[in-house]
Amino acid sequence: MTEDGRELHFDHGVPYFSAKNPDVLRLICEWQSKGLVAEWKEKFATFDCDSKQFLDIEQEGLEKKYVGVPGMNSICKSLCQEPGVQSRFGVGVGRLEWLDNEDSWSLMGLNGESLGYFKGVVTSDKSTFSQRFTNVTGKPVPIDMEKFPEISLKMTEIPVNPCFALMLAFEEPLTEVRCAL
């Protein structure tokens, strides 16, 4: 919300995503047919401050990139409407536990309430399974990774590149982008 009461909306998901797995590519084709994603054809390059030139401009055709349409949350919004999917927003998961006898995950809220039993769990932050979770939240890691060493090993192999995003709002849409140094 701005000082003058206007509400701002930012599409601050990943700039694009790509895939190589044939099963995922089939899913992307399905999303394209539903109008949830479109191919994104922007190129990337490195800007050299000394020469004031773009270097290493990405070549076309190396890997298809996709973007959510009209925003990166389109896929999630669509998935929330699938039959059998229950969505709960604003709920923090405090603990996950695998129940062998139920063949499912038990999820507990931060306040200890049961959130239900699930066949699968997706997390978007590998910190959920590491000591960094405790360092940031002051709470114990929600899942005991000693029970799942194969997952723990796979999680440590995922590279993390911390970055910051600056979201700006302008009175009028920009018609061109200029680099001023």
N, C-alpha and C. Protein backbone atom coordinates (compact mmCIF):
# COMPACT_ATOMS: atom_id res chain seq x y z
N MET A 1 0.85 -1.17 0.00
CA MET A 1 0.00 0.00 0.00
C MET A 1 0.90 1.23 0.00
N THR A 2 0.59 2.18 -0.86
CA THR A 2 1.39 3.40 -0.94
C THR A 2 0.89 4.42 0.08
N GLU A 3 1.65 5.48 0.24
CA GLU A 3 1.26 6.53 1.19
C GLU A 3 -0.08 7.15 0.83
N ASP A 4 -0.40 7.19 -0.48
CA ASP A 4 -1.67 7.80 -0.89
C ASP A 4 -2.81 6.78 -0.93
N GLY A 5 -2.57 5.58 -0.41
CA GLY A 5 -3.64 4.59 -0.31
C GLY A 5 -3.79 3.65 -1.49
N ARG A 6 -2.98 3.85 -2.54
CA ARG A 6 -3.07 2.94 -3.69
C ARG A 6 -2.44 1.60 -3.34
N GLU A 7 -3.06 0.53 -3.84
CA GLU A 7 -2.52 -0.81 -3.61
C GLU A 7 -1.66 -1.21 -4.81
N LEU A 8 -0.46 -1.68 -4.55
CA LEU A 8 0.44 -2.10 -5.62
C LEU A 8 0.47 -3.62 -5.69
N HIS A 9 0.60 -4.14 -6.89
CA HIS A 9 0.73 -5.59 -7.10
C HIS A 9 2.01 -5.84 -7.89
N PHE A 10 2.81 -6.78 -7.39
CA PHE A 10 4.06 -7.13 -8.06
C PHE A 10 4.02 -8.60 -8.43
N ASP A 11 4.49 -8.93 -9.61
CA ASP A 11 4.66 -10.32 -10.03
C ASP A 11 6.12 -10.64 -9.79
N HIS A 12 6.44 -11.07 -8.58
CA HIS A 12 7.84 -11.24 -8.20
C HIS A 12 8.25 -12.69 -8.06
N GLY A 13 7.65 -13.54 -8.88
CA GLY A 13 8.10 -14.93 -8.94
C GLY A 13 9.41 -15.00 -9.71
N VAL A 14 9.84 -16.19 -9.97
CA VAL A 14 11.05 -16.35 -10.77
C VAL A 14 10.84 -15.70 -12.13
N PRO A 15 11.89 -15.19 -12.77
CA PRO A 15 11.68 -14.55 -14.07
C PRO A 15 11.22 -15.54 -15.14
N TYR A 16 11.64 -16.79 -15.02
CA TYR A 16 11.22 -17.83 -15.96
C TYR A 16 11.56 -19.17 -15.35
N PHE A 17 11.09 -20.24 -15.98
CA PHE A 17 11.52 -21.58 -15.59
C PHE A 17 11.72 -22.39 -16.85
N SER A 18 12.48 -23.46 -16.73
CA SER A 18 12.74 -24.35 -17.85
C SER A 18 12.71 -25.79 -17.34
N ALA A 19 12.68 -26.71 -18.27
CA ALA A 19 12.63 -28.12 -17.88
C ALA A 19 13.27 -28.98 -18.96
N LYS A 20 13.79 -30.12 -18.55
CA LYS A 20 14.36 -31.10 -19.47
C LYS A 20 13.68 -32.45 -19.36
N ASN A 21 13.08 -32.72 -18.20
CA ASN A 21 12.42 -34.00 -17.95
C ASN A 21 11.19 -34.13 -18.86
N PRO A 22 11.07 -35.24 -19.61
CA PRO A 22 9.94 -35.41 -20.54
C PRO A 22 8.57 -35.34 -19.87
N ASP A 23 8.45 -35.86 -18.65
CA ASP A 23 7.17 -35.79 -17.94
C ASP A 23 6.80 -34.35 -17.62
N VAL A 24 7.79 -33.57 -17.18
CA VAL A 24 7.55 -32.16 -16.86
C VAL A 24 7.24 -31.38 -18.14
N LEU A 25 7.92 -31.70 -19.22
CA LEU A 25 7.66 -31.01 -20.50
C LEU A 25 6.24 -31.28 -20.98
N ARG A 26 5.74 -32.50 -20.77
CA ARG A 26 4.34 -32.80 -21.13
C ARG A 26 3.38 -31.97 -20.29
N LEU A 27 3.70 -31.82 -19.02
CA LEU A 27 2.88 -31.00 -18.13
C LEU A 27 2.89 -29.55 -18.59
N ILE A 28 4.06 -29.05 -18.98
CA ILE A 28 4.17 -27.68 -19.47
C ILE A 28 3.32 -27.50 -20.73
N CYS A 29 3.31 -28.49 -21.61
CA CYS A 29 2.46 -28.42 -22.82
C CYS A 29 0.99 -28.33 -22.44
N GLU A 30 0.60 -29.08 -21.42
CA GLU A 30 -0.78 -29.02 -20.94
C GLU A 30 -1.09 -27.62 -20.40
N TRP A 31 -0.15 -27.06 -19.63
CA TRP A 31 -0.34 -25.71 -19.09
C TRP A 31 -0.43 -24.69 -20.22
N GLN A 32 0.39 -24.87 -21.27
CA GLN A 32 0.33 -23.96 -22.41
C GLN A 32 -1.05 -24.02 -23.06
N SER A 33 -1.59 -25.23 -23.24
CA SER A 33 -2.89 -25.37 -23.87
C SER A 33 -4.00 -24.72 -23.05
N LYS A 34 -3.81 -24.64 -21.73
CA LYS A 34 -4.78 -24.00 -20.84
C LYS A 34 -4.54 -22.49 -20.73
N GLY A 35 -3.45 -22.00 -21.33
CA GLY A 35 -3.14 -20.58 -21.26
C GLY A 35 -2.50 -20.16 -19.96
N LEU A 36 -1.93 -21.11 -19.21
CA LEU A 36 -1.30 -20.80 -17.92
C LEU A 36 0.15 -20.36 -18.07
N VAL A 37 0.82 -20.83 -19.12
CA VAL A 37 2.21 -20.46 -19.37
C VAL A 37 2.40 -20.17 -20.85
N ALA A 38 3.45 -19.45 -21.14
CA ALA A 38 3.83 -19.16 -22.53
C ALA A 38 5.35 -19.22 -22.61
N GLU A 39 5.84 -19.49 -23.80
CA GLU A 39 7.28 -19.48 -23.98
C GLU A 39 7.78 -18.05 -23.81
N TRP A 40 8.90 -17.91 -23.12
CA TRP A 40 9.51 -16.60 -22.86
C TRP A 40 10.78 -16.53 -23.68
N LYS A 41 10.90 -15.56 -24.56
CA LYS A 41 12.00 -15.52 -25.51
C LYS A 41 13.02 -14.42 -25.23
N GLU A 42 13.01 -13.88 -24.03
CA GLU A 42 13.98 -12.85 -23.69
C GLU A 42 15.38 -13.46 -23.59
N LYS A 43 16.39 -12.64 -23.87
CA LYS A 43 17.78 -13.09 -23.80
C LYS A 43 18.44 -12.52 -22.56
N PHE A 44 19.48 -13.18 -22.10
CA PHE A 44 20.25 -12.72 -20.96
C PHE A 44 21.66 -12.38 -21.42
N ALA A 45 22.27 -11.42 -20.72
CA ALA A 45 23.64 -11.03 -21.01
C ALA A 45 24.23 -10.44 -19.73
N THR A 46 25.52 -10.23 -19.78
CA THR A 46 26.24 -9.60 -18.68
C THR A 46 26.55 -8.18 -19.09
N PHE A 47 26.27 -7.22 -18.21
CA PHE A 47 26.59 -5.83 -18.51
C PHE A 47 27.94 -5.49 -17.91
N ASP A 48 28.87 -5.08 -18.75
CA ASP A 48 30.21 -4.72 -18.31
C ASP A 48 30.25 -3.21 -18.06
N CYS A 49 30.47 -2.84 -16.81
CA CYS A 49 30.46 -1.42 -16.43
C CYS A 49 31.61 -0.64 -17.06
N ASP A 50 32.77 -1.28 -17.25
CA ASP A 50 33.92 -0.57 -17.83
C ASP A 50 33.68 -0.19 -19.28
N SER A 51 33.22 -1.16 -20.09
CA SER A 51 33.01 -0.89 -21.51
C SER A 51 31.61 -0.34 -21.80
N LYS A 52 30.74 -0.40 -20.78
CA LYS A 52 29.34 0.02 -20.93
C LYS A 52 28.66 -0.73 -22.07
N GLN A 53 28.96 -2.02 -22.14
CA GLN A 53 28.40 -2.88 -23.19
C GLN A 53 27.84 -4.17 -22.57
N PHE A 54 26.87 -4.74 -23.27
CA PHE A 54 26.39 -6.06 -22.88
C PHE A 54 27.29 -7.11 -23.52
N LEU A 55 27.76 -8.06 -22.72
CA LEU A 55 28.65 -9.10 -23.19
C LEU A 55 27.96 -10.45 -23.03
N ASP A 56 28.46 -11.44 -23.72
CA ASP A 56 27.97 -12.81 -23.59
C ASP A 56 26.46 -12.89 -23.75
N ILE A 57 25.93 -12.26 -24.78
CA ILE A 57 24.49 -12.30 -25.01
C ILE A 57 24.10 -13.74 -25.34
N GLU A 58 23.11 -14.21 -24.63
CA GLU A 58 22.65 -15.60 -24.75
C GLU A 58 22.19 -15.89 -26.18
N GLN A 59 22.56 -17.05 -26.68
CA GLN A 59 22.16 -17.47 -28.01
C GLN A 59 20.77 -18.08 -27.97
N GLU A 60 20.00 -17.89 -29.03
CA GLU A 60 18.66 -18.46 -29.10
C GLU A 60 18.71 -19.97 -29.25
N GLY A 61 17.66 -20.61 -28.78
CA GLY A 61 17.49 -22.03 -29.01
C GLY A 61 18.22 -22.95 -28.07
N LEU A 62 18.96 -22.44 -27.11
CA LEU A 62 19.70 -23.32 -26.21
C LEU A 62 18.75 -24.08 -25.28
N GLU A 63 17.80 -23.39 -24.72
CA GLU A 63 16.85 -24.02 -23.80
C GLU A 63 15.58 -23.18 -23.78
N LYS A 64 14.44 -23.81 -23.97
CA LYS A 64 13.19 -23.06 -23.92
C LYS A 64 12.93 -22.60 -22.49
N LYS A 65 12.44 -21.38 -22.40
CA LYS A 65 12.07 -20.80 -21.11
C LYS A 65 10.57 -20.53 -21.13
N TYR A 66 9.95 -20.63 -19.96
CA TYR A 66 8.52 -20.41 -19.85
C TYR A 66 8.24 -19.43 -18.73
N VAL A 67 7.11 -18.74 -18.87
CA VAL A 67 6.69 -17.78 -17.87
C VAL A 67 5.20 -17.95 -17.64
N GLY A 68 4.75 -17.74 -16.41
CA GLY A 68 3.33 -17.84 -16.09
C GLY A 68 2.56 -16.70 -16.74
N VAL A 69 1.34 -16.99 -17.19
CA VAL A 69 0.50 -16.00 -17.85
C VAL A 69 -0.83 -15.91 -17.11
N PRO A 70 -1.30 -14.77 -16.70
CA PRO A 70 -0.69 -13.45 -16.87
C PRO A 70 0.40 -13.16 -15.84
N GLY A 71 0.53 -14.01 -14.80
CA GLY A 71 1.58 -13.82 -13.80
C GLY A 71 2.13 -15.16 -13.38
N MET A 72 3.25 -15.13 -12.65
CA MET A 72 3.89 -16.38 -12.25
C MET A 72 3.05 -17.20 -11.28
N ASN A 73 2.03 -16.62 -10.68
CA ASN A 73 1.19 -17.38 -9.77
C ASN A 73 0.05 -18.11 -10.48
N SER A 74 -0.05 -17.98 -11.80
CA SER A 74 -1.13 -18.62 -12.55
C SER A 74 -1.15 -20.14 -12.37
N ILE A 75 0.02 -20.74 -12.37
CA ILE A 75 0.10 -22.20 -12.22
C ILE A 75 -0.44 -22.60 -10.85
N CYS A 76 0.01 -21.92 -9.81
CA CYS A 76 -0.46 -22.24 -8.45
C CYS A 76 -1.95 -22.02 -8.30
N LYS A 77 -2.46 -20.93 -8.85
CA LYS A 77 -3.90 -20.67 -8.77
C LYS A 77 -4.68 -21.79 -9.44
N SER A 78 -4.19 -22.25 -10.57
CA SER A 78 -4.86 -23.34 -11.29
C SER A 78 -4.80 -24.64 -10.50
N LEU A 79 -3.64 -24.95 -9.94
CA LEU A 79 -3.50 -26.17 -9.16
C LEU A 79 -4.43 -26.17 -7.95
N CYS A 80 -4.66 -25.00 -7.37
CA CYS A 80 -5.56 -24.91 -6.21
C CYS A 80 -7.00 -25.26 -6.57
N GLN A 81 -7.33 -25.19 -7.86
CA GLN A 81 -8.69 -25.49 -8.31
C GLN A 81 -8.88 -26.94 -8.74
N GLU A 82 -7.80 -27.73 -8.72
CA GLU A 82 -7.88 -29.12 -9.15
C GLU A 82 -8.74 -29.93 -8.17
N PRO A 83 -9.48 -30.91 -8.68
CA PRO A 83 -10.29 -31.75 -7.78
C PRO A 83 -9.41 -32.45 -6.75
N GLY A 84 -9.86 -32.45 -5.51
CA GLY A 84 -9.13 -33.12 -4.44
C GLY A 84 -8.05 -32.29 -3.80
N VAL A 85 -7.79 -31.10 -4.31
CA VAL A 85 -6.75 -30.25 -3.74
C VAL A 85 -7.39 -29.30 -2.73
N GLN A 86 -6.82 -29.29 -1.54
CA GLN A 86 -7.26 -28.36 -0.50
C GLN A 86 -6.16 -27.34 -0.29
N SER A 87 -6.50 -26.09 -0.34
CA SER A 87 -5.51 -25.03 -0.14
C SER A 87 -5.82 -24.29 1.15
N ARG A 88 -4.78 -24.05 1.92
CA ARG A 88 -4.90 -23.25 3.14
C ARG A 88 -3.81 -22.20 3.09
N PHE A 89 -4.20 -20.96 3.21
CA PHE A 89 -3.26 -19.86 3.12
C PHE A 89 -3.05 -19.23 4.49
N GLY A 90 -1.87 -18.69 4.71
CA GLY A 90 -1.56 -18.03 5.97
C GLY A 90 -1.36 -19.00 7.12
N VAL A 91 -1.07 -20.26 6.81
CA VAL A 91 -0.87 -21.28 7.83
C VAL A 91 0.59 -21.70 7.81
N GLY A 92 1.25 -21.63 8.92
CA GLY A 92 2.63 -22.07 9.01
C GLY A 92 2.71 -23.52 9.45
N VAL A 93 3.51 -24.31 8.76
CA VAL A 93 3.72 -25.71 9.15
C VAL A 93 4.87 -25.74 10.14
N GLY A 94 4.60 -26.31 11.31
CA GLY A 94 5.62 -26.37 12.35
C GLY A 94 6.32 -27.71 12.43
N ARG A 95 5.67 -28.75 11.93
CA ARG A 95 6.26 -30.09 12.01
C ARG A 95 5.68 -30.98 10.93
N LEU A 96 6.55 -31.78 10.32
CA LEU A 96 6.15 -32.81 9.36
C LEU A 96 6.64 -34.14 9.92
N GLU A 97 5.80 -35.15 9.82
CA GLU A 97 6.20 -36.46 10.31
C GLU A 97 5.69 -37.53 9.36
N TRP A 98 6.57 -38.45 8.96
CA TRP A 98 6.17 -39.56 8.10
C TRP A 98 5.56 -40.66 8.96
N LEU A 99 4.38 -41.10 8.59
CA LEU A 99 3.68 -42.17 9.31
C LEU A 99 3.68 -43.41 8.44
N ASP A 100 4.57 -44.37 8.77
CA ASP A 100 4.67 -45.61 7.99
C ASP A 100 3.33 -46.34 7.92
N ASN A 101 2.64 -46.44 9.05
CA ASN A 101 1.39 -47.20 9.08
C ASN A 101 0.29 -46.53 8.27
N GLU A 102 0.38 -45.22 8.03
CA GLU A 102 -0.62 -44.49 7.24
C GLU A 102 -0.14 -44.26 5.80
N ASP A 103 1.16 -44.52 5.56
CA ASP A 103 1.77 -44.24 4.27
C ASP A 103 1.51 -42.79 3.85
N SER A 104 1.67 -41.87 4.80
CA SER A 104 1.42 -40.46 4.51
C SER A 104 2.18 -39.57 5.49
N TRP A 105 2.18 -38.29 5.18
CA TRP A 105 2.80 -37.28 6.02
C TRP A 105 1.74 -36.68 6.93
N SER A 106 2.10 -36.48 8.17
CA SER A 106 1.26 -35.76 9.11
C SER A 106 1.85 -34.36 9.25
N LEU A 107 1.03 -33.35 9.04
CA LEU A 107 1.49 -31.97 9.18
C LEU A 107 0.85 -31.34 10.40
N MET A 108 1.67 -30.63 11.16
CA MET A 108 1.19 -29.92 12.35
C MET A 108 1.47 -28.43 12.16
N GLY A 109 0.52 -27.62 12.57
CA GLY A 109 0.69 -26.18 12.50
C GLY A 109 1.67 -25.68 13.54
N LEU A 110 2.05 -24.43 13.43
CA LEU A 110 2.98 -23.82 14.39
C LEU A 110 2.40 -23.84 15.80
N ASN A 111 1.06 -23.81 15.88
CA ASN A 111 0.41 -23.82 17.19
C ASN A 111 0.11 -25.24 17.68
N GLY A 112 0.56 -26.27 16.95
CA GLY A 112 0.37 -27.65 17.36
C GLY A 112 -0.87 -28.32 16.82
N GLU A 113 -1.73 -27.57 16.11
CA GLU A 113 -2.95 -28.18 15.58
C GLU A 113 -2.62 -29.10 14.40
N SER A 114 -3.38 -30.15 14.25
CA SER A 114 -3.20 -31.07 13.13
C SER A 114 -3.71 -30.40 11.85
N LEU A 115 -2.88 -30.40 10.82
CA LEU A 115 -3.28 -29.85 9.52
C LEU A 115 -3.74 -30.95 8.57
N GLY A 116 -3.56 -32.20 8.97
CA GLY A 116 -4.04 -33.30 8.15
C GLY A 116 -2.94 -34.25 7.73
N TYR A 117 -3.34 -35.21 6.90
CA TYR A 117 -2.44 -36.25 6.40
C TYR A 117 -2.36 -36.13 4.89
N PHE A 118 -1.14 -36.27 4.34
CA PHE A 118 -0.93 -36.01 2.93
C PHE A 118 0.00 -37.07 2.34
N LYS A 119 -0.25 -37.42 1.09
CA LYS A 119 0.58 -38.40 0.37
C LYS A 119 1.89 -37.78 -0.10
N GLY A 120 1.91 -36.47 -0.28
CA GLY A 120 3.11 -35.79 -0.74
C GLY A 120 3.21 -34.41 -0.13
N VAL A 121 4.42 -33.90 -0.05
CA VAL A 121 4.68 -32.57 0.49
C VAL A 121 5.66 -31.88 -0.45
N VAL A 122 5.39 -30.62 -0.76
CA VAL A 122 6.28 -29.82 -1.59
C VAL A 122 6.72 -28.62 -0.77
N THR A 123 8.01 -28.36 -0.77
CA THR A 123 8.51 -27.17 -0.10
C THR A 123 9.31 -26.36 -1.11
N SER A 124 9.28 -25.05 -0.99
CA SER A 124 9.98 -24.21 -1.95
C SER A 124 11.28 -23.65 -1.38
N ASP A 125 11.67 -24.11 -0.22
CA ASP A 125 12.88 -23.59 0.41
C ASP A 125 13.62 -24.72 1.09
N LYS A 126 14.81 -25.02 0.62
CA LYS A 126 15.55 -26.13 1.21
C LYS A 126 15.95 -25.84 2.65
N SER A 127 15.85 -24.59 3.09
CA SER A 127 16.13 -24.26 4.48
C SER A 127 15.15 -24.94 5.43
N THR A 128 13.98 -25.31 4.91
CA THR A 128 12.98 -26.00 5.73
C THR A 128 13.56 -27.27 6.34
N PHE A 129 14.57 -27.83 5.69
CA PHE A 129 15.14 -29.10 6.12
C PHE A 129 16.55 -28.96 6.67
N SER A 130 16.95 -27.75 6.99
CA SER A 130 18.32 -27.57 7.47
C SER A 130 18.35 -26.76 8.77
N GLN A 131 19.52 -26.71 9.36
CA GLN A 131 19.71 -25.95 10.59
C GLN A 131 19.46 -24.47 10.36
N ARG A 132 19.56 -24.02 9.11
CA ARG A 132 19.28 -22.61 8.83
C ARG A 132 17.86 -22.24 9.24
N PHE A 133 16.94 -23.21 9.14
CA PHE A 133 15.55 -22.97 9.56
C PHE A 133 15.52 -22.51 11.01
N THR A 134 16.25 -23.21 11.88
CA THR A 134 16.30 -22.86 13.30
C THR A 134 16.99 -21.52 13.49
N ASN A 135 18.05 -21.28 12.73
CA ASN A 135 18.78 -20.02 12.85
C ASN A 135 17.89 -18.83 12.51
N VAL A 136 17.00 -18.98 11.52
CA VAL A 136 16.14 -17.89 11.09
C VAL A 136 14.90 -17.76 11.96
N THR A 137 14.27 -18.89 12.29
CA THR A 137 12.97 -18.84 12.99
C THR A 137 13.08 -19.01 14.50
N GLY A 138 14.18 -19.58 14.97
CA GLY A 138 14.30 -19.89 16.38
C GLY A 138 13.53 -21.13 16.79
N LYS A 139 12.97 -21.82 15.81
CA LYS A 139 12.18 -23.03 16.06
C LYS A 139 12.94 -24.25 15.55
N PRO A 140 12.63 -25.43 16.07
CA PRO A 140 13.31 -26.62 15.58
C PRO A 140 12.95 -26.92 14.12
N VAL A 141 13.85 -27.59 13.42
CA VAL A 141 13.61 -27.98 12.03
C VAL A 141 12.34 -28.83 12.00
N PRO A 142 11.40 -28.55 11.08
CA PRO A 142 10.12 -29.24 11.10
C PRO A 142 10.17 -30.73 10.78
N ILE A 143 11.25 -31.20 10.18
CA ILE A 143 11.34 -32.62 9.86
C ILE A 143 12.69 -33.15 10.30
N ASP A 144 12.67 -34.29 10.94
CA ASP A 144 13.90 -34.92 11.42
C ASP A 144 14.57 -35.61 10.24
N MET A 145 15.59 -34.98 9.70
CA MET A 145 16.23 -35.51 8.49
C MET A 145 17.04 -36.77 8.77
N GLU A 146 17.33 -37.07 10.02
CA GLU A 146 18.05 -38.32 10.32
C GLU A 146 17.20 -39.53 9.94
N LYS A 147 15.89 -39.37 9.92
CA LYS A 147 15.00 -40.46 9.52
C LYS A 147 14.99 -40.63 8.00
N PHE A 148 15.43 -39.59 7.27
CA PHE A 148 15.38 -39.59 5.81
C PHE A 148 16.73 -39.16 5.23
N PRO A 149 17.77 -39.95 5.45
CA PRO A 149 19.11 -39.52 5.01
C PRO A 149 19.20 -39.31 3.49
N GLU A 150 18.43 -40.08 2.71
CA GLU A 150 18.50 -39.93 1.25
C GLU A 150 17.95 -38.57 0.82
N ILE A 151 16.91 -38.08 1.49
CA ILE A 151 16.37 -36.76 1.18
C ILE A 151 17.37 -35.70 1.62
N SER A 152 17.93 -35.88 2.80
CA SER A 152 18.89 -34.91 3.33
C SER A 152 20.06 -34.75 2.37
N LEU A 153 20.57 -35.86 1.85
CA LEU A 153 21.68 -35.81 0.91
C LEU A 153 21.29 -35.07 -0.36
N LYS A 154 20.11 -35.38 -0.89
CA LYS A 154 19.65 -34.70 -2.11
C LYS A 154 19.46 -33.21 -1.87
N MET A 155 18.96 -32.85 -0.70
CA MET A 155 18.73 -31.44 -0.40
C MET A 155 20.04 -30.66 -0.34
N THR A 156 21.09 -31.27 0.20
CA THR A 156 22.37 -30.56 0.28
C THR A 156 22.99 -30.36 -1.09
N GLU A 157 22.59 -31.17 -2.08
CA GLU A 157 23.14 -31.04 -3.43
C GLU A 157 22.50 -29.91 -4.23
N ILE A 158 21.37 -29.37 -3.75
CA ILE A 158 20.69 -28.30 -4.47
C ILE A 158 21.44 -27.00 -4.23
N PRO A 159 21.91 -26.36 -5.31
CA PRO A 159 22.65 -25.12 -5.13
C PRO A 159 21.72 -23.98 -4.70
N VAL A 160 22.24 -23.10 -3.86
CA VAL A 160 21.49 -21.93 -3.43
C VAL A 160 22.31 -20.71 -3.77
N ASN A 161 21.70 -19.78 -4.49
CA ASN A 161 22.35 -18.53 -4.83
C ASN A 161 21.52 -17.39 -4.24
N PRO A 162 21.90 -16.91 -3.06
CA PRO A 162 21.12 -15.84 -2.45
C PRO A 162 21.14 -14.60 -3.33
N CYS A 163 20.01 -13.91 -3.39
CA CYS A 163 19.94 -12.68 -4.16
C CYS A 163 18.89 -11.77 -3.54
N PHE A 164 18.90 -10.55 -3.96
CA PHE A 164 17.94 -9.57 -3.48
C PHE A 164 17.18 -9.04 -4.69
N ALA A 165 15.95 -8.68 -4.47
CA ALA A 165 15.14 -8.11 -5.55
C ALA A 165 14.69 -6.72 -5.12
N LEU A 166 14.71 -5.82 -6.04
CA LEU A 166 14.23 -4.47 -5.81
C LEU A 166 12.98 -4.30 -6.66
N MET A 167 11.85 -4.04 -6.02
CA MET A 167 10.60 -3.86 -6.74
C MET A 167 10.26 -2.38 -6.71
N LEU A 168 10.14 -1.79 -7.90
CA LEU A 168 9.89 -0.36 -8.02
C LEU A 168 8.53 -0.13 -8.67
N ALA A 169 7.88 0.93 -8.28
CA ALA A 169 6.62 1.34 -8.91
C ALA A 169 6.82 2.73 -9.49
N PHE A 170 6.39 2.92 -10.73
CA PHE A 170 6.52 4.20 -11.41
C PHE A 170 5.14 4.77 -11.68
N GLU A 171 5.03 6.08 -11.70
CA GLU A 171 3.74 6.73 -11.99
C GLU A 171 3.22 6.32 -13.36
N GLU A 172 4.11 6.24 -14.34
CA GLU A 172 3.73 5.89 -15.71
C GLU A 172 4.55 4.67 -16.12
N PRO A 173 4.00 3.80 -16.97
CA PRO A 173 4.78 2.65 -17.46
C PRO A 173 6.03 3.11 -18.20
N LEU A 174 7.09 2.36 -18.06
CA LEU A 174 8.33 2.67 -18.76
C LEU A 174 8.20 2.22 -20.21
N THR A 175 8.63 3.06 -21.14
CA THR A 175 8.57 2.69 -22.54
C THR A 175 9.89 2.15 -23.03
N GLU A 176 10.96 2.46 -22.35
CA GLU A 176 12.25 1.91 -22.70
C GLU A 176 13.12 1.90 -21.45
N VAL A 177 14.11 1.05 -21.47
CA VAL A 177 15.01 0.93 -20.33
C VAL A 177 16.37 1.48 -20.75
N ARG A 178 16.92 2.35 -19.93
CA ARG A 178 18.24 2.92 -20.20
C ARG A 178 19.13 2.65 -19.02
N CYS A 179 20.37 2.35 -19.29
CA CYS A 179 21.34 2.12 -18.21
C CYS A 179 22.12 3.40 -18.00
N ALA A 180 22.07 3.95 -16.83
CA ALA A 180 22.82 5.15 -16.50
C ALA A 180 23.87 4.77 -15.45
N LEU A 181 25.10 5.05 -15.77
CA LEU A 181 26.19 4.73 -14.82
C LEU A 181 26.90 5.96 -14.39
